[in-house]
Amino acid sequence: MPERQSLTHAVESTNLADLLERILDKGVVVAGDISIKLVDVELLTIQLRLVICSVDKARELGIDWWNHPLPAAAAQQKVAIASIEERLGRMEEAWAQRSAAPAGSESA
């Protein structure tokens, strides 16, 4: 009669609470970029950044956007506002020059 060999399995069971605690303690980062192009013309770009961690771990990593805006977003907003203000200034100048010009001096 042939000998029966027993199989030994090393199974480490992890319940959901342990897994969640480990993820929040260590942190998980998921990043990806989606770009849609048509004939070498970029139509749309989406940058995805997902960080899953505890608040303590986030602070340790220097992430505290709930207290302060993200630096990149704040810088982009400042650039956009400056651009809009510059455009508005040019429009106001053009309107002032047009309003100040005599009625008969406009050329067709």
Protein backbone atom coordinates (compact mmCIF):
# COMPACT_ATOMS: atom_id res chain seq x y z
CA MET A 1 0.00 0.00 0.00
CA PRO A 2 1.42 3.41 -0.99
CA GLU A 3 2.19 5.89 1.74
CA ARG A 4 -0.04 8.89 2.03
CA GLN A 5 1.79 12.12 2.03
CA SER A 6 0.24 14.92 3.94
CA LEU A 7 0.28 18.41 2.57
CA THR A 8 1.17 21.18 4.93
CA HIS A 9 -0.26 24.61 4.21
CA ALA A 10 1.05 27.75 5.79
CA VAL A 11 -2.02 29.89 5.94
CA GLU A 12 -1.90 33.26 7.59
CA SER A 13 -5.40 34.47 8.08
CA THR A 14 -5.95 38.20 8.07
CA ASN A 15 -9.29 39.65 8.83
CA LEU A 16 -10.55 42.90 7.39
CA ALA A 17 -9.80 44.95 10.52
CA ASP A 18 -6.15 43.83 10.53
CA LEU A 19 -5.82 44.61 6.84
CA LEU A 20 -7.36 48.05 7.24
CA GLU A 21 -5.13 48.81 10.22
CA ARG A 22 -2.05 47.80 8.23
CA ILE A 23 -3.07 49.94 5.23
CA LEU A 24 -3.79 52.99 7.38
CA ASP A 25 -0.56 52.55 9.33
CA LYS A 26 1.73 52.10 6.31
CA GLY A 27 -0.26 53.92 3.65
CA VAL A 28 -1.06 53.10 0.05
CA VAL A 29 -0.45 55.30 -2.98
CA VAL A 30 -2.20 54.79 -6.30
CA ALA A 31 -1.12 57.04 -9.17
CA GLY A 32 -2.00 57.12 -12.82
CA ASP A 33 -2.25 59.42 -15.81
CA ILE A 34 -4.84 59.25 -18.55
CA SER A 35 -4.12 61.13 -21.76
CA ILE A 36 -6.42 61.33 -24.77
CA LYS A 37 -4.80 62.41 -28.03
CA LEU A 38 -6.10 62.75 -31.56
CA VAL A 39 -3.49 63.01 -34.32
CA ASP A 40 -0.77 64.12 -31.86
CA VAL A 41 -3.04 66.81 -30.40
CA GLU A 42 -3.62 66.35 -26.71
CA LEU A 43 -7.31 66.73 -26.02
CA LEU A 44 -7.52 65.71 -22.39
CA THR A 45 -5.13 64.81 -19.59
CA ILE A 46 -6.27 63.50 -16.23
CA GLN A 47 -3.79 62.97 -13.42
CA LEU A 48 -5.01 60.69 -10.66
CA ARG A 49 -3.32 60.60 -7.29
CA LEU A 50 -4.86 58.61 -4.45
CA VAL A 51 -3.32 58.29 -1.01
CA ILE A 52 -4.94 56.06 1.58
CA CYS A 53 -3.51 56.36 5.08
CA SER A 54 -4.32 57.51 8.57
CA VAL A 55 -4.34 61.21 9.45
CA ASP A 56 -1.26 60.70 11.63
CA LYS A 57 0.62 59.02 8.76
CA ALA A 58 -0.48 61.79 6.38
CA ARG A 59 0.87 64.46 8.72
CA GLU A 60 4.10 62.48 9.04
CA LEU A 61 4.38 62.56 5.23
CA GLY A 62 3.68 66.31 5.14
CA ILE A 63 0.17 66.02 3.76
CA ASP A 64 -2.31 68.30 5.50
CA TRP A 65 -4.49 69.71 2.76
CA TRP A 66 -7.47 69.80 5.11
CA ASN A 67 -5.65 72.57 7.04
CA HIS A 68 -3.84 74.31 4.16
CA PRO A 69 -4.43 74.30 0.39
CA LEU A 70 -2.09 72.21 -1.71
CA PRO A 71 0.96 74.27 -2.77
CA ALA A 72 0.62 73.39 -6.45
CA ALA A 73 -3.07 74.27 -6.51
CA ALA A 74 -2.46 77.54 -4.68
CA ALA A 75 0.34 78.47 -7.11
CA GLN A 76 -1.86 77.64 -10.11
CA GLN A 77 -4.66 79.76 -8.68
CA LYS A 78 -2.29 82.72 -8.20
CA VAL A 79 -1.07 82.43 -11.80
CA ALA A 80 -4.64 82.21 -13.11
CA ILE A 81 -5.75 85.23 -11.06
CA ALA A 82 -2.74 87.26 -12.22
CA SER A 83 -3.53 86.37 -15.84
CA ILE A 84 -7.17 87.40 -15.44
CA GLU A 85 -6.19 90.67 -13.75
CA GLU A 86 -3.72 91.45 -16.54
CA ARG A 87 -6.37 90.76 -19.20
CA LEU A 88 -8.89 92.89 -17.36
CA GLY A 89 -6.37 95.74 -17.18
CA ARG A 90 -5.81 95.59 -20.95
CA MET A 91 -9.57 95.58 -21.57
CA GLU A 92 -10.07 98.57 -19.30
CA GLU A 93 -7.28 100.47 -21.09
CA ALA A 94 -8.78 99.68 -24.49
CA TRP A 95 -12.22 100.76 -23.30
CA ALA A 96 -10.83 103.99 -21.85
CA GLN A 97 -8.98 104.79 -25.10
CA ARG A 98 -12.07 104.07 -27.15
CA SER A 99 -14.27 106.21 -24.87
CA ALA A 100 -11.75 109.10 -24.90
CA ALA A 101 -11.42 109.18 -28.70
CA PRO A 102 -13.47 111.92 -30.43
CA ALA A 103 -16.60 110.65 -32.20
CA GLY A 104 -15.44 111.73 -35.67
CA SER A 105 -11.93 110.32 -35.42
CA GLU A 106 -12.89 106.63 -35.54
CA SER A 107 -11.75 105.04 -38.77
CA ALA A 108 -13.79 102.41 -40.54
